[in-house]
Amino acid sequence: MSEDYHKFCRINYWKRNGDGFLSYASKDDDWTEVVVAPLSTYSGYGEQRMVRESNTEYNLRALVDLLRQAYEAGQRDKLRHIQRTLGIAS
């Protein structure tokens, strides 16, 4: 997963404490859940939550790649809209 994901999505890691409640964790901790959410209004995707399993890292990378594509497509669409509004030929 690329390190620039913070431009278009937020990733939070969580772990269960002794009482069963979720508390914030880092990627390097023994986390149990990860939550991924887009930062941009360009993306129609909502928050996604995954429980840690053997394939979670693969699914996380795939989701971040999907959010990157949605973000980039949204930026291009917004730029075209601005150019049309201003009468700028692209």
C-alpha atoms as a PDB file:
ATOM      1  CA  MET A   1       0.000   0.000   0.000  1.00  0.00           C
ATOM      2  CA  SER A   2       1.392   3.398  -0.942  1.00  0.00           C
ATOM      3  CA  GLU A   3       2.249   5.915   1.721  1.00  0.00           C
ATOM      4  CA  ASP A   4       0.194   8.729   0.172  1.00  0.00           C
ATOM      5  CA  TYR A   5      -3.179   7.158   1.024  1.00  0.00           C
ATOM      6  CA  HIS A   6      -3.748   9.946   3.579  1.00  0.00           C
ATOM      7  CA  LYS A   7      -4.596  12.256   0.651  1.00  0.00           C
ATOM      8  CA  PHE A   8      -7.827  10.435  -0.106  1.00  0.00           C
ATOM      9  CA  CYS A   9      -8.719   8.101   2.779  1.00  0.00           C
ATOM     10  CA  ARG A  10      -8.473   7.663   6.516  1.00  0.00           C
ATOM     11  CA  ILE A  11      -7.359   4.355   8.018  1.00  0.00           C
ATOM     12  CA  ASN A  12      -7.912   3.679  11.720  1.00  0.00           C
ATOM     13  CA  TYR A  13      -6.834   0.552  13.538  1.00  0.00           C
ATOM     14  CA  TRP A  14      -8.691  -0.676  16.626  1.00  0.00           C
ATOM     15  CA  LYS A  15      -8.204  -3.370  19.245  1.00  0.00           C
ATOM     16  CA  ARG A  16     -10.467  -4.820  21.920  1.00  0.00           C
ATOM     17  CA  ASN A  17      -9.489  -3.988  25.473  1.00  0.00           C
ATOM     18  CA  GLY A  18     -10.064  -6.261  28.474  1.00  0.00           C
ATOM     19  CA  ASP A  19     -13.677  -5.092  28.787  1.00  0.00           C
ATOM     20  CA  GLY A  20     -14.440  -5.865  25.141  1.00  0.00           C
ATOM     21  CA  PHE A  21     -14.542  -2.218  24.060  1.00  0.00           C
ATOM     22  CA  LEU A  22     -12.637  -0.947  21.046  1.00  0.00           C
ATOM     23  CA  SER A  23      -9.671   1.319  21.678  1.00  0.00           C
ATOM     24  CA  TYR A  24      -7.380   3.049  19.196  1.00  0.00           C
ATOM     25  CA  ALA A  25      -4.344   1.088  18.011  1.00  0.00           C
ATOM     26  CA  SER A  26      -1.540   1.650  15.539  1.00  0.00           C
ATOM     27  CA  LYS A  27      -0.831  -0.498  12.500  1.00  0.00           C
ATOM     28  CA  ASP A  28       2.052  -2.099  14.404  1.00  0.00           C
ATOM     29  CA  ASP A  29      -0.118  -3.024  17.418  1.00  0.00           C
ATOM     30  CA  ASP A  30      -2.086  -6.232  17.756  1.00  0.00           C
ATOM     31  CA  TRP A  31      -5.197  -4.638  16.246  1.00  0.00           C
ATOM     32  CA  THR A  32      -8.446  -6.539  15.709  1.00  0.00           C
ATOM     33  CA  GLU A  33     -10.376  -4.234  13.341  1.00  0.00           C
ATOM     34  CA  VAL A  34      -9.528  -1.658  10.709  1.00  0.00           C
ATOM     35  CA  VAL A  35     -11.819   1.116   9.470  1.00  0.00           C
ATOM     36  CA  VAL A  36     -11.255   2.776   6.090  1.00  0.00           C
ATOM     37  CA  ALA A  37     -13.155   5.884   5.026  1.00  0.00           C
ATOM     38  CA  PRO A  38     -12.777   8.251   2.060  1.00  0.00           C
ATOM     39  CA  LEU A  39     -11.742  11.823   2.831  1.00  0.00           C
ATOM     40  CA  SER A  40     -13.090  13.302  -0.363  1.00  0.00           C
ATOM     41  CA  THR A  41     -16.559  14.167  -1.467  1.00  0.00           C
ATOM     42  CA  TYR A  42     -15.425  12.890  -4.871  1.00  0.00           C
ATOM     43  CA  SER A  43     -15.932   9.342  -3.625  1.00  0.00           C
ATOM     44  CA  GLY A  44     -19.318   7.708  -3.314  1.00  0.00           C
ATOM     45  CA  TYR A  45     -17.912   5.064  -0.995  1.00  0.00           C
ATOM     46  CA  GLY A  46     -18.742   5.064   2.689  1.00  0.00           C
ATOM     47  CA  GLU A  47     -16.836   3.800   5.680  1.00  0.00           C
ATOM     48  CA  GLN A  48     -15.695   0.173   5.463  1.00  0.00           C
ATOM     49  CA  ARG A  49     -14.870  -1.968   8.505  1.00  0.00           C
ATOM     50  CA  MET A  50     -12.849  -5.189   8.393  1.00  0.00           C
ATOM     51  CA  VAL A  51     -12.016  -7.698  11.101  1.00  0.00           C
ATOM     52  CA  ARG A  52      -8.427  -8.916  11.101  1.00  0.00           C
ATOM     53  CA  GLU A  53      -8.133 -12.213   9.234  1.00  0.00           C
ATOM     54  CA  SER A  54      -5.510 -13.895   7.111  1.00  0.00           C
ATOM     55  CA  ASN A  55      -6.519 -11.957   3.969  1.00  0.00           C
ATOM     56  CA  THR A  56      -7.278  -8.583   5.582  1.00  0.00           C
ATOM     57  CA  GLU A  57      -4.048  -6.941   4.410  1.00  0.00           C
ATOM     58  CA  TYR A  58      -4.829  -7.908   0.802  1.00  0.00           C
ATOM     59  CA  ASN A  59      -8.423  -6.633   1.115  1.00  0.00           C
ATOM     60  CA  LEU A  60      -7.181  -3.410   2.712  1.00  0.00           C
ATOM     61  CA  ARG A  61      -4.745  -2.754  -0.145  1.00  0.00           C
ATOM     62  CA  ALA A  62      -7.480  -3.469  -2.714  1.00  0.00           C
ATOM     63  CA  LEU A  63      -9.902  -1.097  -0.976  1.00  0.00           C
ATOM     64  CA  VAL A  64      -7.308   1.685  -0.761  1.00  0.00           C
ATOM     65  CA  ASP A  65      -6.530   1.233  -4.473  1.00  0.00           C
ATOM     66  CA  LEU A  66     -10.249   1.463  -5.259  1.00  0.00           C
ATOM     67  CA  LEU A  67     -10.571   4.651  -3.190  1.00  0.00           C
ATOM     68  CA  ARG A  68      -7.529   6.109  -4.978  1.00  0.00           C
ATOM     69  CA  GLN A  69      -9.154   5.439  -8.364  1.00  0.00           C
ATOM     70  CA  ALA A  70     -12.445   6.991  -7.235  1.00  0.00           C
ATOM     71  CA  TYR A  71     -10.599  10.042  -5.896  1.00  0.00           C
ATOM     72  CA  GLU A  72      -8.587  10.515  -9.096  1.00  0.00           C
ATOM     73  CA  ALA A  73     -11.669  10.074 -11.291  1.00  0.00           C
ATOM     74  CA  GLY A  74     -13.536  12.597  -9.161  1.00  0.00           C
ATOM     75  CA  GLN A  75     -10.711  15.103  -9.477  1.00  0.00           C
ATOM     76  CA  ARG A  76     -10.725  14.762 -13.273  1.00  0.00           C
ATOM     77  CA  ASP A  77     -14.521  15.175 -13.396  1.00  0.00           C
ATOM     78  CA  LYS A  78     -14.385  18.244 -11.157  1.00  0.00           C
ATOM     79  CA  LEU A  79     -11.627  19.789 -13.280  1.00  0.00           C
ATOM     80  CA  ARG A  80     -13.667  19.242 -16.466  1.00  0.00           C
ATOM     81  CA  HIS A  81     -16.707  20.815 -14.795  1.00  0.00           C
ATOM     82  CA  ILE A  82     -14.684  23.878 -13.747  1.00  0.00           C
ATOM     83  CA  GLN A  83     -13.188  24.206 -17.228  1.00  0.00           C
ATOM     84  CA  ARG A  84     -16.637  23.990 -18.860  1.00  0.00           C
ATOM     85  CA  THR A  85     -18.052  26.542 -16.429  1.00  0.00           C
ATOM     86  CA  LEU A  86     -15.214  28.970 -17.138  1.00  0.00           C
ATOM     87  CA  GLY A  87     -15.263  28.274 -20.885  1.00  0.00           C
ATOM     88  CA  ILE A  88     -11.715  26.940 -20.909  1.00  0.00           C
ATOM     89  CA  ALA A  89     -10.892  24.462 -23.659  1.00  0.00           C
ATOM     90  CA  SER A  90      -9.150  21.383 -22.337  1.00  0.00           C
END
